Amino acid sequence: MLLKKLTEACGGPSQEGEVRDLIRKEVTPFADSITTDALGNLITVRNGKSNGPKVMLAAHMDEVALMIVSIESSGLLKFRPIGGIDPRVLVAKSVVIGKRRTPGVIGSKPIHLQKPNERKKPIGIDELFIDIGAAKREEAEKLVSIGELAYFTTDFRKIGADKYKAKALDDRVGCALIIDLLKEEYKFPLYGVFTVQEEVGLRGAGAAAHQVCPDIALVLEGTTASDVPEIAEHKHATTLGKGPSLTFMDSSVIPDPRLVAKLMQIAEQNDIPVQYRRNTAGGTDAGRIQSSRTGIRVAVIAVPCRYIHSPVSVMSKSDYDNTFKLVKAFFNTIEKGEFK
């Protein structure tokens, strides 16, 4: 399954090569051209010489990860998060490090040795380490290097009737959607862009948009879903099973209001469930794309995912399918000449 392959691949910011190679293999049969720029963005083109507005689909390949910053004399590894990771989700999680997939476990001071006041507060990053089973620094240095990234080891699995659990659904779910959309036939120039370094500042998207210079851009994301106990319904950023979410505003962008309204109209006309993303925190590649060159019309369509930026996230297959349907329906309006 495509999502299984994508989520179980490892690719943190600036080290997206494994994911990029997998995507390249998947899209080669359908793309007219495929290029990789100096930053590592993968840019695919379908119907590049067709008439009509140039449309860009964007999703980022990178996932949050942990960078090894020192190897202690004991053989334990110290690390720093690359991207936004809550330290509270890290203790006792298994990881693999670097291209050799060196296995390790994130550890901390045992609870029975902690002082009473230590037990009352979350463990900080400085108090955590990765144990790879090495007895001393020299032994560890044969297995890992400073600067390598550690990744969570979660397997992709179906759970319940309609849900999937996996790591890196932010944003391998968007990558999977673009791949599936590139398999369809269109009558306008379509650019499928897989960006790098989104998790550390949306760095790849601006360079990619400058190269493509699209008339319209849709960012496909895996966004936070907070439909869990003790959070009031009106504070749910998004909810699993209620369809793709549309963004009015976040910390990086105010999407084109006309484009957002059009997407909502299309959803209503085609009986596709949609929801609005209620939380304005966080940002997406849309911020960099929108401000590229002389400005680009952009919107964000996201698949709700619980527990993003953690060792495991959960999504609904129906939300994925309805996101695909919404983008396809939008493309149909383009082919009918509704966007000049």
C-alpha atoms as a PDB file:
ATOM      1  CA  MET A   1       0.000   0.000   0.000  1.00  0.00           C
ATOM      2  CA  LEU A   2       1.264   3.461  -0.954  1.00  0.00           C
ATOM      3  CA  LEU A   3       0.716   5.081   2.456  1.00  0.00           C
ATOM      4  CA  LYS A   4       2.492   2.198   4.170  1.00  0.00           C
ATOM      5  CA  LYS A   5       5.581   2.610   1.990  1.00  0.00           C
ATOM      6  CA  LEU A   6       5.637   6.369   2.420  1.00  0.00           C
ATOM      7  CA  THR A   7       5.128   6.484   6.187  1.00  0.00           C
ATOM      8  CA  GLU A   8       7.596   3.709   6.958  1.00  0.00           C
ATOM      9  CA  ALA A   9      10.299   5.450   4.895  1.00  0.00           C
ATOM     10  CA  CYS A  10      12.557   7.829   6.842  1.00  0.00           C
ATOM     11  CA  GLY A  11      13.259  11.384   5.793  1.00  0.00           C
ATOM     12  CA  GLY A  12      13.820  14.298   8.138  1.00  0.00           C
ATOM     13  CA  PRO A  13      14.512  17.909   7.112  1.00  0.00           C
ATOM     14  CA  SER A  14      17.432  18.080   4.626  1.00  0.00           C
ATOM     15  CA  GLN A  15      17.627  14.271   4.560  1.00  0.00           C
ATOM     16  CA  GLU A  16      14.570  13.425   2.476  1.00  0.00           C
ATOM     17  CA  GLY A  17      16.442  11.263  -0.051  1.00  0.00           C
ATOM     18  CA  GLU A  18      14.816   7.930   0.792  1.00  0.00           C
ATOM     19  CA  VAL A  19      11.332   9.416   0.520  1.00  0.00           C
ATOM     20  CA  ARG A  20      12.201  11.301  -2.662  1.00  0.00           C
ATOM     21  CA  ASP A  21      13.527   8.139  -4.333  1.00  0.00           C
ATOM     22  CA  LEU A  22      10.368   6.258  -3.422  1.00  0.00           C
ATOM     23  CA  ILE A  23       8.134   9.019  -4.799  1.00  0.00           C
ATOM     24  CA  ARG A  24      10.177   9.310  -7.984  1.00  0.00           C
ATOM     25  CA  LYS A  25       9.677   5.608  -8.623  1.00  0.00           C
ATOM     26  CA  GLU A  26       5.926   5.905  -8.050  1.00  0.00           C
ATOM     27  CA  VAL A  27       5.336   8.915 -10.338  1.00  0.00           C
ATOM     28  CA  THR A  28       7.724   8.081 -13.190  1.00  0.00           C
ATOM     29  CA  PRO A  29       5.070   6.202 -15.245  1.00  0.00           C
ATOM     30  CA  PHE A  30       2.727   9.213 -15.178  1.00  0.00           C
ATOM     31  CA  ALA A  31       4.931  12.322 -15.307  1.00  0.00           C
ATOM     32  CA  ASP A  32       6.171  14.030 -18.471  1.00  0.00           C
ATOM     33  CA  SER A  33       9.237  15.270 -16.623  1.00  0.00           C
ATOM     34  CA  ILE A  34      10.770  14.959 -13.168  1.00  0.00           C
ATOM     35  CA  THR A  35      13.467  17.216 -11.751  1.00  0.00           C
ATOM     36  CA  THR A  36      15.192  17.714  -8.404  1.00  0.00           C
ATOM     37  CA  ASP A  37      16.473  21.174  -7.514  1.00  0.00           C
ATOM     38  CA  ALA A  38      19.483  22.129  -5.410  1.00  0.00           C
ATOM     39  CA  LEU A  39      17.479  22.062  -2.168  1.00  0.00           C
ATOM     40  CA  GLY A  40      16.055  18.616  -2.913  1.00  0.00           C
ATOM     41  CA  ASN A  41      12.503  19.498  -3.966  1.00  0.00           C
ATOM     42  CA  LEU A  42      11.059  16.953  -6.393  1.00  0.00           C
ATOM     43  CA  ILE A  43       9.087  18.667  -9.168  1.00  0.00           C
ATOM     44  CA  THR A  44       6.932  16.577 -11.493  1.00  0.00           C
ATOM     45  CA  VAL A  45       5.061  17.847 -14.533  1.00  0.00           C
ATOM     46  CA  ARG A  46       2.043  16.443 -16.313  1.00  0.00           C
ATOM     47  CA  ASN A  47       0.687  18.067 -19.514  1.00  0.00           C
ATOM     48  CA  GLY A  48       3.251  20.836 -19.266  1.00  0.00           C
ATOM     49  CA  LYS A  49       2.501  22.104 -22.795  1.00  0.00           C
ATOM     50  CA  SER A  50      -1.277  22.137 -22.406  1.00  0.00           C
ATOM     51  CA  ASN A  51      -3.366  25.297 -22.392  1.00  0.00           C
ATOM     52  CA  GLY A  52      -5.113  26.474 -19.254  1.00  0.00           C
ATOM     53  CA  PRO A  53      -4.000  27.729 -15.854  1.00  0.00           C
ATOM     54  CA  LYS A  54      -0.851  26.211 -14.425  1.00  0.00           C
ATOM     55  CA  VAL A  55      -1.798  24.333 -11.263  1.00  0.00           C
ATOM     56  CA  MET A  56       0.642  23.334  -8.530  1.00  0.00           C
ATOM     57  CA  LEU A  57      -0.023  20.673  -5.905  1.00  0.00           C
ATOM     58  CA  ALA A  58       2.438  20.769  -3.005  1.00  0.00           C
ATOM     59  CA  ALA A  59       3.161  18.408  -0.107  1.00  0.00           C
ATOM     60  CA  HIS A  60       6.280  18.166   2.028  1.00  0.00           C
ATOM     61  CA  MET A  61       8.394  15.037   2.227  1.00  0.00           C
ATOM     62  CA  ASP A  62      10.161  15.711   5.520  1.00  0.00           C
ATOM     63  CA  GLU A  63       9.044  14.506   8.944  1.00  0.00           C
ATOM     64  CA  VAL A  64       9.995  15.584  12.440  1.00  0.00           C
ATOM     65  CA  ALA A  65      13.080  13.775  13.714  1.00  0.00           C
ATOM     66  CA  LEU A  66      15.851  13.841  16.321  1.00  0.00           C
ATOM     67  CA  MET A  67      19.415  14.895  15.462  1.00  0.00           C
ATOM     68  CA  ILE A  68      22.341  13.289  17.270  1.00  0.00           C
ATOM     69  CA  VAL A  69      24.435  16.123  18.726  1.00  0.00           C
ATOM     70  CA  SER A  70      26.915  14.292  20.953  1.00  0.00           C
ATOM     71  CA  ILE A  71      28.143  10.837  21.921  1.00  0.00           C
ATOM     72  CA  GLU A  72      28.830  10.527  25.650  1.00  0.00           C
ATOM     73  CA  SER A  73      31.729   8.586  27.166  1.00  0.00           C
ATOM     74  CA  SER A  74      29.123   6.065  28.352  1.00  0.00           C
ATOM     75  CA  GLY A  75      28.076   5.344  24.754  1.00  0.00           C
ATOM     76  CA  LEU A  76      24.720   7.072  25.217  1.00  0.00           C
ATOM     77  CA  LEU A  77      23.623   9.639  22.617  1.00  0.00           C
ATOM     78  CA  LYS A  78      22.335  13.142  23.234  1.00  0.00           C
ATOM     79  CA  PHE A  79      19.967  14.680  20.690  1.00  0.00           C
ATOM     80  CA  ARG A  80      17.916  17.713  19.706  1.00  0.00           C
ATOM     81  CA  PRO A  81      14.500  17.740  17.991  1.00  0.00           C
ATOM     82  CA  ILE A  82      14.355  18.750  14.335  1.00  0.00           C
ATOM     83  CA  GLY A  83      10.875  20.215  14.015  1.00  0.00           C
ATOM     84  CA  GLY A  84       8.309  20.651  16.748  1.00  0.00           C
ATOM     85  CA  ILE A  85       8.265  17.627  19.066  1.00  0.00           C
ATOM     86  CA  ASP A  86       6.809  17.564  22.567  1.00  0.00           C
ATOM     87  CA  PRO A  87       9.444  15.970  24.870  1.00  0.00           C
ATOM     88  CA  ARG A  88       6.660  14.304  26.858  1.00  0.00           C
ATOM     89  CA  VAL A  89       5.970  11.834  24.026  1.00  0.00           C
ATOM     90  CA  LEU A  90       9.574  10.613  23.759  1.00  0.00           C
ATOM     91  CA  VAL A  91      10.397   8.556  26.862  1.00  0.00           C
ATOM     92  CA  ALA A  92      10.828   4.800  26.225  1.00  0.00           C
ATOM     93  CA  LYS A  93      10.162   5.095  22.471  1.00  0.00           C
ATOM     94  CA  SER A  94      12.167   3.010  20.027  1.00  0.00           C
ATOM     95  CA  VAL A  95      14.049   4.675  17.171  1.00  0.00           C
ATOM     96  CA  VAL A  96      16.385   3.893  14.312  1.00  0.00           C
ATOM     97  CA  ILE A  97      19.348   6.124  13.478  1.00  0.00           C
ATOM     98  CA  GLY A  98      20.860   7.046  10.126  1.00  0.00           C
ATOM     99  CA  LYS A  99      21.079   5.068   6.913  1.00  0.00           C
ATOM    100  CA  ARG A 100      22.267   1.995   8.778  1.00  0.00           C
ATOM    101  CA  ARG A 101      19.045   2.013  10.806  1.00  0.00           C
ATOM    102  CA  THR A 102      20.923   1.525  14.057  1.00  0.00           C
ATOM    103  CA  PRO A 103      18.253   0.614  16.631  1.00  0.00           C
ATOM    104  CA  GLY A 104      17.940   2.525  19.879  1.00  0.00           C
ATOM    105  CA  VAL A 105      15.633   3.391  22.765  1.00  0.00           C
ATOM    106  CA  ILE A 106      15.014   6.841  24.232  1.00  0.00           C
ATOM    107  CA  GLY A 107      15.777   6.712  27.947  1.00  0.00           C
ATOM    108  CA  SER A 108      15.845   8.911  31.036  1.00  0.00           C
ATOM    109  CA  LYS A 109      16.631   8.704  34.743  1.00  0.00           C
ATOM    110  CA  PRO A 110      14.544   5.825  36.223  1.00  0.00           C
ATOM    111  CA  ILE A 111      11.461   7.065  38.054  1.00  0.00           C
ATOM    112  CA  HIS A 112      12.457   5.340  41.312  1.00  0.00           C
ATOM    113  CA  LEU A 113      15.642   7.433  41.363  1.00  0.00           C
ATOM    114  CA  GLN A 114      13.883  10.720  40.655  1.00  0.00           C
ATOM    115  CA  LYS A 115      13.335  13.195  43.464  1.00  0.00           C
ATOM    116  CA  PRO A 116       9.697  13.988  44.357  1.00  0.00           C
ATOM    117  CA  ASN A 117       9.813  17.385  42.652  1.00  0.00           C
ATOM    118  CA  GLU A 118      11.256  15.802  39.480  1.00  0.00           C
ATOM    119  CA  ARG A 119       8.298  13.445  39.216  1.00  0.00           C
ATOM    120  CA  LYS A 120       5.884  16.378  39.125  1.00  0.00           C
ATOM    121  CA  LYS A 121       7.255  17.992  35.966  1.00  0.00           C
ATOM    122  CA  PRO A 122       7.755  16.805  32.373  1.00  0.00           C
ATOM    123  CA  ILE A 123      11.169  15.458  31.474  1.00  0.00           C
ATOM    124  CA  GLY A 124      13.089  17.940  29.334  1.00  0.00           C
ATOM    125  CA  ILE A 125      15.120  17.199  26.218  1.00  0.00           C
ATOM    126  CA  ASP A 126      18.378  17.725  28.135  1.00  0.00           C
ATOM    127  CA  GLU A 127      17.413  14.894  30.476  1.00  0.00           C
ATOM    128  CA  LEU A 128      16.823  12.375  27.703  1.00  0.00           C
ATOM    129  CA  PHE A 129      19.275  10.202  25.769  1.00  0.00           C
ATOM    130  CA  ILE A 130      19.253   7.424  23.188  1.00  0.00           C
ATOM    131  CA  ASP A 131      20.600   4.038  24.226  1.00  0.00           C
ATOM    132  CA  ILE A 132      21.958   1.952  21.317  1.00  0.00           C
ATOM    133  CA  GLY A 133      23.477  -0.704  23.545  1.00  0.00           C
ATOM    134  CA  ALA A 134      27.015   0.645  23.321  1.00  0.00           C
ATOM    135  CA  ALA A 135      29.208   0.403  26.439  1.00  0.00           C
ATOM    136  CA  LYS A 136      31.464   3.338  25.573  1.00  0.00           C
ATOM    137  CA  ARG A 137      31.924   6.223  23.115  1.00  0.00           C
ATOM    138  CA  GLU A 138      34.273   4.336  20.788  1.00  0.00           C
ATOM    139  CA  GLU A 139      31.782   1.522  20.398  1.00  0.00           C
ATOM    140  CA  ALA A 140      28.925   3.930  19.655  1.00  0.00           C
ATOM    141  CA  GLU A 141      31.008   5.852  17.103  1.00  0.00           C
ATOM    142  CA  LYS A 142      31.215   2.715  14.985  1.00  0.00           C
ATOM    143  CA  LEU A 143      27.431   2.658  14.704  1.00  0.00           C
ATOM    144  CA  VAL A 144      26.321   6.298  14.507  1.00  0.00           C
ATOM    145  CA  SER A 145      27.721   9.725  13.678  1.00  0.00           C
ATOM    146  CA  ILE A 146      26.975  13.176  15.030  1.00  0.00           C
ATOM    147  CA  GLY A 147      24.485  14.908  12.710  1.00  0.00           C
ATOM    148  CA  GLU A 148      22.587  11.742  11.817  1.00  0.00           C
ATOM    149  CA  LEU A 149      18.848  11.692  12.409  1.00  0.00           C
ATOM    150  CA  ALA A 150      16.852   9.312  14.573  1.00  0.00           C
ATOM    151  CA  TYR A 151      13.356   8.283  13.492  1.00  0.00           C
ATOM    152  CA  PHE A 152      10.436   6.642  15.249  1.00  0.00           C
ATOM    153  CA  THR A 153       9.858   2.995  14.330  1.00  0.00           C
ATOM    154  CA  THR A 154       6.061   2.876  14.103  1.00  0.00           C
ATOM    155  CA  ASP A 155       4.622   0.368  11.633  1.00  0.00           C
ATOM    156  CA  PHE A 156       1.732   1.397   9.390  1.00  0.00           C
ATOM    157  CA  ARG A 157      -1.447  -0.452  10.329  1.00  0.00           C
ATOM    158  CA  LYS A 158      -5.189  -0.350   9.890  1.00  0.00           C
ATOM    159  CA  ILE A 159      -7.030   0.054  13.193  1.00  0.00           C
ATOM    160  CA  GLY A 160     -10.773  -0.058  13.699  1.00  0.00           C
ATOM    161  CA  ALA A 161     -13.096  -0.016  10.707  1.00  0.00           C
ATOM    162  CA  ASP A 162     -11.722   3.000   8.854  1.00  0.00           C
ATOM    163  CA  LYS A 163      -8.567   4.306  10.551  1.00  0.00           C
ATOM    164  CA  TYR A 164      -4.841   4.013   9.906  1.00  0.00           C
ATOM    165  CA  LYS A 165      -2.025   4.535  12.380  1.00  0.00           C
ATOM    166  CA  ALA A 166       1.483   5.467  11.259  1.00  0.00           C
ATOM    167  CA  LYS A 167       4.336   7.866  11.840  1.00  0.00           C
ATOM    168  CA  ALA A 168       4.872  10.847   9.552  1.00  0.00           C
ATOM    169  CA  LEU A 169       1.279  11.176   8.315  1.00  0.00           C
ATOM    170  CA  ASP A 170       2.281  14.857   8.400  1.00  0.00           C
ATOM    171  CA  ASP A 171       2.827  14.993   5.508  1.00  0.00           C
ATOM    172  CA  ARG A 172       3.187  11.656   3.765  1.00  0.00           C
ATOM    173  CA  VAL A 173      -0.604  11.695   3.485  1.00  0.00           C
ATOM    174  CA  GLY A 174      -0.265  14.768   1.244  1.00  0.00           C
ATOM    175  CA  CYS A 175       2.489  13.087  -0.774  1.00  0.00           C
ATOM    176  CA  ALA A 176       0.272  10.031  -1.305  1.00  0.00           C
ATOM    177  CA  LEU A 177      -2.608  12.216  -2.468  1.00  0.00           C
ATOM    178  CA  ILE A 178      -0.457  13.970  -5.059  1.00  0.00           C
ATOM    179  CA  ILE A 179       0.829  10.641  -6.355  1.00  0.00           C
ATOM    180  CA  ASP A 180      -2.729   9.330  -6.702  1.00  0.00           C
ATOM    181  CA  LEU A 181      -3.860  12.553  -8.385  1.00  0.00           C
ATOM    182  CA  LEU A 182      -0.987  12.427 -10.876  1.00  0.00           C
ATOM    183  CA  LYS A 183      -2.313   9.089 -12.101  1.00  0.00           C
ATOM    184  CA  GLU A 184      -5.441  10.772 -13.504  1.00  0.00           C
ATOM    185  CA  GLU A 185      -5.855  12.477 -16.889  1.00  0.00           C
ATOM    186  CA  TYR A 186      -6.129  16.277 -17.096  1.00  0.00           C
ATOM    187  CA  LYS A 187      -6.334  18.946 -19.795  1.00  0.00           C
ATOM    188  CA  PHE A 188      -4.224  21.606 -18.101  1.00  0.00           C
ATOM    189  CA  PRO A 189      -0.605  21.834 -16.886  1.00  0.00           C
ATOM    190  CA  LEU A 190      -0.330  20.080 -13.525  1.00  0.00           C
ATOM    191  CA  TYR A 191       2.778  20.287 -11.347  1.00  0.00           C
ATOM    192  CA  GLY A 192       3.116  17.836  -8.480  1.00  0.00           C
ATOM    193  CA  VAL A 193       5.715  19.302  -6.109  1.00  0.00           C
ATOM    194  CA  PHE A 194       7.176  17.391  -3.171  1.00  0.00           C
ATOM    195  CA  THR A 195       8.984  19.873  -0.959  1.00  0.00           C
ATOM    196  CA  VAL A 196      11.788  19.695   1.602  1.00  0.00           C
ATOM    197  CA  GLN A 197      12.453  21.241   5.024  1.00  0.00           C
ATOM    198  CA  GLU A 198       8.872  22.280   5.765  1.00  0.00           C
ATOM    199  CA  GLU A 199       9.200  21.259   9.390  1.00  0.00           C
ATOM    200  CA  VAL A 200      12.048  23.712  10.023  1.00  0.00           C
ATOM    201  CA  GLY A 201      10.663  26.824   8.363  1.00  0.00           C
ATOM    202  CA  LEU A 202       8.893  26.029   5.070  1.00  0.00           C
ATOM    203  CA  ARG A 203      12.237  26.347   3.318  1.00  0.00           C
ATOM    204  CA  GLY A 204      11.775  24.276   0.187  1.00  0.00           C
ATOM    205  CA  ALA A 205       8.367  25.538  -0.906  1.00  0.00           C
ATOM    206  CA  GLY A 206       9.431  29.065  -1.773  1.00  0.00           C
ATOM    207  CA  ALA A 207      12.201  27.896  -4.083  1.00  0.00           C
ATOM    208  CA  ALA A 208       9.871  25.381  -5.734  1.00  0.00           C
ATOM    209  CA  ALA A 209       7.105  27.920  -6.301  1.00  0.00           C
ATOM    210  CA  HIS A 210       9.603  30.387  -7.780  1.00  0.00           C
ATOM    211  CA  GLN A 211      10.583  27.769 -10.349  1.00  0.00           C
ATOM    212  CA  VAL A 212       7.060  26.605 -11.217  1.00  0.00           C
ATOM    213  CA  CYS A 213       5.384  30.034 -11.045  1.00  0.00           C
ATOM    214  CA  PRO A 214       1.852  28.573 -10.946  1.00  0.00           C
ATOM    215  CA  ASP A 215      -1.418  30.414 -11.426  1.00  0.00           C
ATOM    216  CA  ILE A 216      -3.065  28.406  -8.625  1.00  0.00           C
ATOM    217  CA  ALA A 217      -1.517  26.310  -5.849  1.00  0.00           C
ATOM    218  CA  LEU A 218      -3.112  23.802  -3.487  1.00  0.00           C
ATOM    219  CA  VAL A 219      -1.147  22.640  -0.469  1.00  0.00           C
ATOM    220  CA  LEU A 220      -2.157  19.137   0.638  1.00  0.00           C
ATOM    221  CA  GLU A 221      -1.387  18.528   4.301  1.00  0.00           C
ATOM    222  CA  GLY A 222      -1.903  16.270   7.271  1.00  0.00           C
ATOM    223  CA  THR A 223      -3.204  18.629   9.946  1.00  0.00           C
ATOM    224  CA  THR A 224      -3.847  18.358  13.652  1.00  0.00           C
ATOM    225  CA  ALA A 225      -7.088  16.789  14.866  1.00  0.00           C
ATOM    226  CA  SER A 226      -7.929  17.461  18.494  1.00  0.00           C
ATOM    227  CA  ASP A 227     -11.215  15.563  18.848  1.00  0.00           C
ATOM    228  CA  VAL A 228     -10.188  13.852  22.074  1.00  0.00           C
ATOM    229  CA  PRO A 229     -11.644  13.803  25.615  1.00  0.00           C
ATOM    230  CA  GLU A 230     -11.452  16.934  27.784  1.00  0.00           C
ATOM    231  CA  ILE A 231     -11.251  19.250  24.775  1.00  0.00           C
ATOM    232  CA  ALA A 232     -14.484  21.107  24.099  1.00  0.00           C
ATOM    233  CA  GLU A 233     -15.947  20.531  20.654  1.00  0.00           C
ATOM    234  CA  HIS A 234     -15.649  24.188  19.688  1.00  0.00           C
ATOM    235  CA  LYS A 235     -11.891  23.911  20.328  1.00  0.00           C
ATOM    236  CA  HIS A 236     -11.402  20.940  18.001  1.00  0.00           C
ATOM    237  CA  ALA A 237      -8.999  22.122  15.316  1.00  0.00           C
ATOM    238  CA  THR A 238     -10.397  19.387  13.074  1.00  0.00           C
ATOM    239  CA  THR A 239     -12.297  16.149  13.639  1.00  0.00           C
ATOM    240  CA  LEU A 240     -11.601  12.728  12.156  1.00  0.00           C
ATOM    241  CA  GLY A 241     -14.274  11.461   9.798  1.00  0.00           C
ATOM    242  CA  LYS A 242     -15.786  14.848   8.935  1.00  0.00           C
ATOM    243  CA  GLY A 243     -13.889  15.266   5.693  1.00  0.00           C
ATOM    244  CA  PRO A 244     -10.934  17.384   4.556  1.00  0.00           C
ATOM    245  CA  SER A 245     -10.345  20.686   6.299  1.00  0.00           C
ATOM    246  CA  LEU A 246     -10.015  24.087   4.650  1.00  0.00           C
ATOM    247  CA  THR A 247      -7.840  26.777   6.207  1.00  0.00           C
ATOM    248  CA  PHE A 248      -9.023  30.368   6.595  1.00  0.00           C
ATOM    249  CA  MET A 249      -5.851  31.477   8.368  1.00  0.00           C
ATOM    250  CA  ASP A 250      -2.796  30.130  10.141  1.00  0.00           C
ATOM    251  CA  SER A 251       0.486  31.583  11.347  1.00  0.00           C
ATOM    252  CA  SER A 252       1.989  31.482   7.863  1.00  0.00           C
ATOM    253  CA  VAL A 253      -0.823  32.449   5.490  1.00  0.00           C
ATOM    254  CA  ILE A 254      -4.294  33.797   4.845  1.00  0.00           C
ATOM    255  CA  PRO A 255      -5.308  31.717   1.810  1.00  0.00           C
ATOM    256  CA  ASP A 256      -7.085  33.346  -1.120  1.00  0.00           C
ATOM    257  CA  PRO A 257     -10.667  33.840   0.196  1.00  0.00           C
ATOM    258  CA  ARG A 258     -12.192  33.378  -3.261  1.00  0.00           C
ATOM    259  CA  LEU A 259     -10.385  30.089  -3.712  1.00  0.00           C
ATOM    260  CA  VAL A 260     -11.475  28.841  -0.278  1.00  0.00           C
ATOM    261  CA  ALA A 261     -15.083  29.847  -1.015  1.00  0.00           C
ATOM    262  CA  LYS A 262     -14.931  28.082  -4.379  1.00  0.00           C
ATOM    263  CA  LEU A 263     -13.662  24.883  -2.766  1.00  0.00           C
ATOM    264  CA  MET A 264     -16.481  25.006  -0.231  1.00  0.00           C
ATOM    265  CA  GLN A 265     -19.016  25.552  -3.001  1.00  0.00           C
ATOM    266  CA  ILE A 266     -17.619  22.636  -4.981  1.00  0.00           C
ATOM    267  CA  ALA A 267     -17.803  20.418  -1.898  1.00  0.00           C
ATOM    268  CA  GLU A 268     -21.463  21.311  -1.341  1.00  0.00           C
ATOM    269  CA  GLN A 269     -22.344  20.736  -4.984  1.00  0.00           C
ATOM    270  CA  ASN A 270     -20.716  17.306  -4.944  1.00  0.00           C
ATOM    271  CA  ASP A 271     -21.896  16.184  -1.481  1.00  0.00           C
ATOM    272  CA  ILE A 272     -18.325  16.028  -0.201  1.00  0.00           C
ATOM    273  CA  PRO A 273     -18.066  16.593   3.571  1.00  0.00           C
ATOM    274  CA  VAL A 274     -15.646  19.376   4.514  1.00  0.00           C
ATOM    275  CA  GLN A 275     -14.759  21.257   7.677  1.00  0.00           C
ATOM    276  CA  TYR A 276     -12.860  24.402   8.582  1.00  0.00           C
ATOM    277  CA  ARG A 277      -9.614  24.252  10.510  1.00  0.00           C
ATOM    278  CA  ARG A 278     -10.426  26.137  13.710  1.00  0.00           C
ATOM    279  CA  ASN A 279      -6.928  26.448  15.152  1.00  0.00           C
ATOM    280  CA  THR A 280      -4.774  29.180  13.610  1.00  0.00           C
ATOM    281  CA  ALA A 281      -1.504  27.986  15.166  1.00  0.00           C
ATOM    282  CA  GLY A 282       1.209  26.408  13.025  1.00  0.00           C
ATOM    283  CA  GLY A 283       1.970  27.036   9.390  1.00  0.00           C
ATOM    284  CA  THR A 284       2.264  25.299   6.035  1.00  0.00           C
ATOM    285  CA  ASP A 285       4.112  25.606   2.748  1.00  0.00           C
ATOM    286  CA  ALA A 286       1.253  27.837   1.586  1.00  0.00           C
ATOM    287  CA  GLY A 287       2.893  30.796   3.330  1.00  0.00           C
ATOM    288  CA  ARG A 288       6.022  30.614   1.214  1.00  0.00           C
ATOM    289  CA  ILE A 289       4.180  29.731  -1.993  1.00  0.00           C
ATOM    290  CA  GLN A 290       1.726  32.619  -1.691  1.00  0.00           C
ATOM    291  CA  SER A 291       4.482  35.229  -1.402  1.00  0.00           C
ATOM    292  CA  SER A 292       6.632  33.839  -4.232  1.00  0.00           C
ATOM    293  CA  ARG A 293       7.352  36.080  -7.231  1.00  0.00           C
ATOM    294  CA  THR A 294       4.443  38.525  -7.660  1.00  0.00           C
ATOM    295  CA  GLY A 295       2.083  36.476  -5.481  1.00  0.00           C
ATOM    296  CA  ILE A 296       0.237  33.212  -6.065  1.00  0.00           C
ATOM    297  CA  ARG A 297      -3.364  32.243  -5.319  1.00  0.00           C
ATOM    298  CA  VAL A 298      -3.161  29.453  -2.758  1.00  0.00           C
ATOM    299  CA  ALA A 299      -5.400  27.293  -0.586  1.00  0.00           C
ATOM    300  CA  VAL A 300      -4.751  24.544   1.952  1.00  0.00           C
ATOM    301  CA  ILE A 301      -6.691  21.266   1.970  1.00  0.00           C
ATOM    302  CA  ALA A 302      -5.749  18.963   4.828  1.00  0.00           C
ATOM    303  CA  VAL A 303      -6.497  15.474   6.075  1.00  0.00           C
ATOM    304  CA  PRO A 304      -7.166  15.548   9.852  1.00  0.00           C
ATOM    305  CA  CYS A 305      -4.648  13.472  11.829  1.00  0.00           C
ATOM    306  CA  ARG A 306      -4.581  12.913  15.571  1.00  0.00           C
ATOM    307  CA  TYR A 307      -1.267  13.114  17.477  1.00  0.00           C
ATOM    308  CA  ILE A 308       0.888  14.627  14.715  1.00  0.00           C
ATOM    309  CA  HIS A 309       4.574  15.270  15.464  1.00  0.00           C
ATOM    310  CA  SER A 310       4.640  12.223  17.715  1.00  0.00           C
ATOM    311  CA  PRO A 311       5.739   8.591  17.301  1.00  0.00           C
ATOM    312  CA  VAL A 312       2.300   7.662  15.920  1.00  0.00           C
ATOM    313  CA  SER A 313      -0.622   9.483  14.289  1.00  0.00           C
ATOM    314  CA  VAL A 314      -4.123   8.341  13.363  1.00  0.00           C
ATOM    315  CA  MET A 315      -6.165   9.267  10.280  1.00  0.00           C
ATOM    316  CA  SER A 316      -9.439   8.256   8.651  1.00  0.00           C
ATOM    317  CA  LYS A 317      -9.502   6.635   5.213  1.00  0.00           C
ATOM    318  CA  SER A 318     -12.794   8.372   4.452  1.00  0.00           C
ATOM    319  CA  ASP A 319     -11.121  11.765   4.987  1.00  0.00           C
ATOM    320  CA  TYR A 320      -8.361  10.755   2.575  1.00  0.00           C
ATOM    321  CA  ASP A 321     -10.879   9.621  -0.047  1.00  0.00           C
ATOM    322  CA  ASN A 322     -12.950  12.789   0.302  1.00  0.00           C
ATOM    323  CA  THR A 323      -9.853  14.977  -0.013  1.00  0.00           C
ATOM    324  CA  PHE A 324      -9.058  13.207  -3.280  1.00  0.00           C
ATOM    325  CA  LYS A 325     -12.655  13.736  -4.477  1.00  0.00           C
ATOM    326  CA  LEU A 326     -12.575  17.444  -3.599  1.00  0.00           C
ATOM    327  CA  VAL A 327      -9.357  18.115  -5.505  1.00  0.00           C
ATOM    328  CA  LYS A 328     -10.645  16.118  -8.494  1.00  0.00           C
ATOM    329  CA  ALA A 329     -13.909  18.077  -8.481  1.00  0.00           C
ATOM    330  CA  PHE A 330     -11.931  21.319  -8.337  1.00  0.00           C
ATOM    331  CA  PHE A 331      -9.884  20.191 -11.322  1.00  0.00           C
ATOM    332  CA  ASN A 332     -13.123  19.544 -13.219  1.00  0.00           C
ATOM    333  CA  THR A 333     -14.108  23.188 -12.784  1.00  0.00           C
ATOM    334  CA  ILE A 334     -10.743  24.237 -14.177  1.00  0.00           C
ATOM    335  CA  GLU A 335     -11.276  22.078 -17.239  1.00  0.00           C
ATOM    336  CA  LYS A 336     -14.669  23.734 -17.714  1.00  0.00           C
ATOM    337  CA  GLY A 337     -12.932  27.108 -17.939  1.00  0.00           C
ATOM    338  CA  GLU A 338     -14.056  28.539 -14.629  1.00  0.00           C
ATOM    339  CA  PHE A 339     -10.517  29.753 -13.817  1.00  0.00           C
ATOM    340  CA  LYS A 340      -8.791  32.023 -16.310  1.00  0.00           C
END
